[in-house]
Protein backbone atom coordinates (compact mmCIF):
# COMPACT_ATOMS: atom_id res chain seq x y z
CA MET A 1 0.01 0.01 0.00
CA ASN A 2 3.00 2.34 0.22
CA GLN A 3 3.54 2.87 -3.44
CA PRO A 4 1.84 4.82 -6.22
CA CYS A 5 -0.51 2.52 -8.09
CA HIS A 6 -0.06 1.52 -11.71
CA GLN A 7 -2.49 4.23 -12.72
CA HIS A 8 -0.92 6.95 -10.61
CA ALA A 9 2.66 6.83 -12.02
CA ILE A 10 2.52 10.60 -12.26
CA PRO A 11 0.49 12.20 -9.35
CA ARG A 12 -2.50 14.13 -10.68
CA ARG A 13 -1.60 17.24 -8.76
CA LEU A 14 1.63 17.51 -10.78
CA VAL A 15 -0.15 17.32 -14.08
CA GLN A 16 -1.98 20.52 -15.05
CA GLN A 17 -4.09 20.18 -18.14
CA PRO A 18 -3.73 23.13 -20.50
CA LEU A 19 -6.86 25.27 -20.51
CA SER A 20 -7.00 24.95 -24.30
CA GLU A 21 -7.38 21.16 -24.01
CA LEU A 22 -10.31 21.62 -21.62
CA THR A 23 -12.05 24.16 -23.82
CA ASP A 24 -11.48 21.94 -26.83
CA ARG A 25 -13.46 19.24 -25.09
CA LEU A 26 -16.39 21.63 -24.79
CA ARG A 27 -16.20 22.60 -28.46
CA ALA A 28 -15.97 18.92 -29.47
CA ARG A 29 -19.35 18.43 -27.79
CA SER A 30 -20.81 21.54 -29.50
CA ARG A 31 -20.82 23.52 -26.26
CA LYS A 32 -20.09 27.24 -26.16
CA VAL A 33 -16.86 28.29 -24.48
CA THR A 34 -18.08 31.25 -22.45
CA GLY A 35 -15.83 33.39 -20.27
CA GLN A 36 -17.54 31.95 -17.21
CA ARG A 37 -17.01 28.34 -18.22
CA GLU A 38 -13.42 29.07 -19.08
CA ALA A 39 -12.88 30.73 -15.70
CA ILE A 40 -14.44 27.73 -13.82
CA LEU A 41 -12.26 25.30 -15.72
CA ASP A 42 -9.21 27.39 -15.03
CA VAL A 43 -9.97 27.34 -11.26
CA LEU A 44 -10.42 23.55 -11.31
CA ARG A 45 -7.23 22.90 -13.23
CA ARG A 46 -5.19 24.98 -10.73
CA HIS A 47 -6.39 23.05 -7.71
CA ALA A 48 -5.16 19.50 -7.00
CA ASN A 49 -8.09 18.82 -4.59
CA PRO A 50 -11.82 18.72 -5.32
CA LEU A 51 -13.65 21.99 -4.76
CA THR A 52 -17.24 22.77 -3.75
CA ASN A 53 -19.40 25.09 -5.80
CA ARG A 54 -18.94 27.72 -3.04
CA GLU A 55 -15.18 27.33 -3.13
CA ILE A 56 -15.20 27.82 -6.92
CA HIS A 57 -17.38 30.89 -6.43
CA ALA A 58 -14.98 32.29 -3.83
CA ALA A 59 -12.02 31.70 -6.20
CA LEU A 60 -13.90 33.65 -8.90
CA ARG A 61 -14.91 36.58 -6.64
CA GLY A 62 -15.11 39.73 -8.62
CA SER A 63 -15.40 37.90 -12.00
CA GLY A 64 -19.13 38.41 -12.35
CA CYS A 65 -19.80 34.63 -12.18
CA ASP A 66 -22.65 34.07 -9.75
CA LEU A 67 -23.27 30.88 -7.78
CA ALA A 68 -26.23 29.76 -9.90
CA THR A 69 -24.07 29.87 -13.02
CA ILE A 70 -21.46 27.72 -11.24
CA TYR A 71 -24.10 25.16 -10.26
CA ARG A 72 -25.43 25.00 -13.86
CA THR A 73 -21.95 24.85 -15.33
CA MET A 74 -20.84 22.06 -12.98
CA HIS A 75 -23.98 20.10 -13.93
CA THR A 76 -23.15 20.52 -17.62
CA LEU A 77 -19.48 19.60 -17.17
CA LEU A 78 -20.38 16.56 -15.09
CA GLY A 79 -22.82 15.33 -17.75
CA MET A 80 -20.02 15.79 -20.37
CA GLY A 81 -17.50 13.88 -18.31
CA VAL A 82 -15.20 16.88 -18.00
CA VAL A 83 -15.45 16.87 -14.22
CA ARG A 84 -15.92 14.13 -11.62
CA ARG A 85 -18.14 14.53 -8.54
CA CYS A 86 -16.67 13.52 -5.19
CA ASP A 87 -18.87 12.68 -2.27
CA PHE A 88 -17.12 12.45 1.11
CA GLY A 89 -20.28 11.66 3.13
CA ASP A 90 -20.81 15.17 4.41
CA GLY A 91 -23.64 16.09 2.03
CA VAL A 92 -21.44 18.53 0.08
CA ALA A 93 -20.60 17.83 -3.58
CA ARG A 94 -17.06 18.51 -4.57
CA PHE A 95 -15.71 18.53 -8.14
CA GLU A 96 -12.40 17.90 -9.82
CA LEU A 97 -11.35 17.61 -13.38
CA ALA A 98 -11.82 14.16 -14.77
CA THR A 99 -8.51 12.84 -15.91
CA GLY A 100 -7.85 9.48 -17.58
CA ASP A 101 -7.66 7.82 -14.15
CA ALA A 102 -10.09 4.91 -13.73
CA HIS A 103 -10.08 5.69 -10.00
CA HIS A 104 -9.00 8.32 -7.53
CA HIS A 105 -8.07 8.45 -3.81
CA HIS A 106 -8.44 11.02 -1.07
CA LEU A 107 -7.77 11.50 2.66
CA VAL A 108 -10.56 13.63 4.26
CA CYS A 109 -10.42 15.33 7.67
CA ARG A 110 -13.63 14.52 9.59
CA ALA A 111 -13.19 17.74 11.65
CA CYS A 112 -12.55 20.49 9.08
CA GLY A 113 -13.22 18.79 5.75
CA MET A 114 -9.67 19.34 4.36
CA VAL A 115 -8.99 16.95 1.44
CA VAL A 116 -5.58 15.53 0.58
CA GLU A 117 -4.96 13.52 -2.58
CA VAL A 118 -3.43 10.14 -1.81
CA ASP A 119 -1.10 8.58 -4.41
CA ASP A 120 -0.83 5.24 -2.52
CA CYS A 121 -2.90 2.39 -3.86
CA PHE A 122 -3.58 -1.26 -3.71
CA PRO A 123 -1.21 -3.42 -5.81
CA ALA A 124 -2.70 -4.28 -9.22
CA ALA A 125 -2.43 -8.02 -8.23
CA LEU A 126 -4.81 -7.47 -5.28
CA GLU A 127 -7.32 -5.64 -7.48
CA GLU A 128 -7.13 -8.41 -10.06
CA ALA A 129 -7.49 -11.18 -7.38
CA ILE A 130 -10.63 -9.50 -5.97
CA ALA A 131 -12.11 -9.24 -9.43
CA ARG A 132 -11.26 -12.81 -10.31
CA ARG A 133 -12.64 -14.20 -7.03
CA HIS A 134 -16.02 -12.59 -7.71
CA GLY A 135 -16.11 -13.09 -11.46
CA PHE A 136 -15.78 -9.45 -12.33
CA VAL A 137 -13.91 -7.87 -15.27
CA GLY A 138 -12.99 -4.31 -16.07
CA ILE A 139 -12.70 -3.51 -12.35
CA ALA A 140 -11.86 -0.04 -10.96
CA HIS A 141 -12.11 1.32 -7.49
CA ARG A 142 -12.57 4.52 -5.49
CA LEU A 143 -11.02 4.83 -2.09
CA GLU A 144 -11.53 7.53 0.52
CA PHE A 145 -9.84 7.58 3.90
CA PHE A 146 -11.33 9.58 6.76
CA GLY A 147 -9.40 10.83 9.83
CA VAL A 148 -8.34 13.93 11.69
CA CYS A 149 -5.70 16.15 10.14
CA PRO A 150 -2.70 17.45 12.10
CA ARG A 151 -4.14 20.98 12.40
CA CYS A 152 -7.36 19.63 13.96
CA GLN A 153 -5.41 17.48 16.35
CA ASP A 154 -3.92 20.55 17.98
CA PRO A 155 -4.99 20.50 21.65
CA GLU A 156 -4.82 24.26 22.10
CA PRO A 157 -8.20 25.80 22.86
CA GLY A 158 -9.38 28.40 20.45
CA PRO A 159 -11.93 29.06 17.75
CA PRO A 160 -13.11 26.10 15.71
CA LYS A 161 -10.92 25.15 12.80
CA ALA A 162 -12.11 26.28 9.37
CA PRO A 163 -11.45 24.33 6.22
C-alpha cells in the first residue's frame, strides 16, 4: 500500500491540463466556451483537490460569475464527463477535473473537511485477485480515507478550525 498504483505513475496534482485542451473538449461536444465556463475550468485545473461550488465561487470573486451559473456549469461539465463529482459523506458535492484515471483516492479530515490527494494504492495484483474471485472484469475502485488532520489534532483551545 505504500507505493503509487499503476494508474498513478505521475501524481495528478503535478499534471496541469492546459486550458486549451479543456475548452477543446467543450467545443468537441458543441458547447459554447463562455468566459464563465473558461474561468471555472481554470480554477479547477489549478487546484489539486476537489472543490465545492462555493469554493469555486470564492475563487472567482469579482469575476461576475454568480453561484447559480457555477451550479449550472458544474452540472453541464459533469454530464459531459469533464469533471468528476466527489462525495465524502458530508452532504457537500465537490468537483475535480476528470482525468484518464479509472479511480482516484483522497484522505478527508472529519473535523474541518480538508481533502488531501493520496497517491498510494492497492497493488494491481490485489485488485485483479478480488475481481477474479467474484467473477468481475474491467474492475476499478474509489477509495476515500477519513481521519483527523494534524491541524485539527492541535490540543490548544481556540476558535473552531475552518477548512
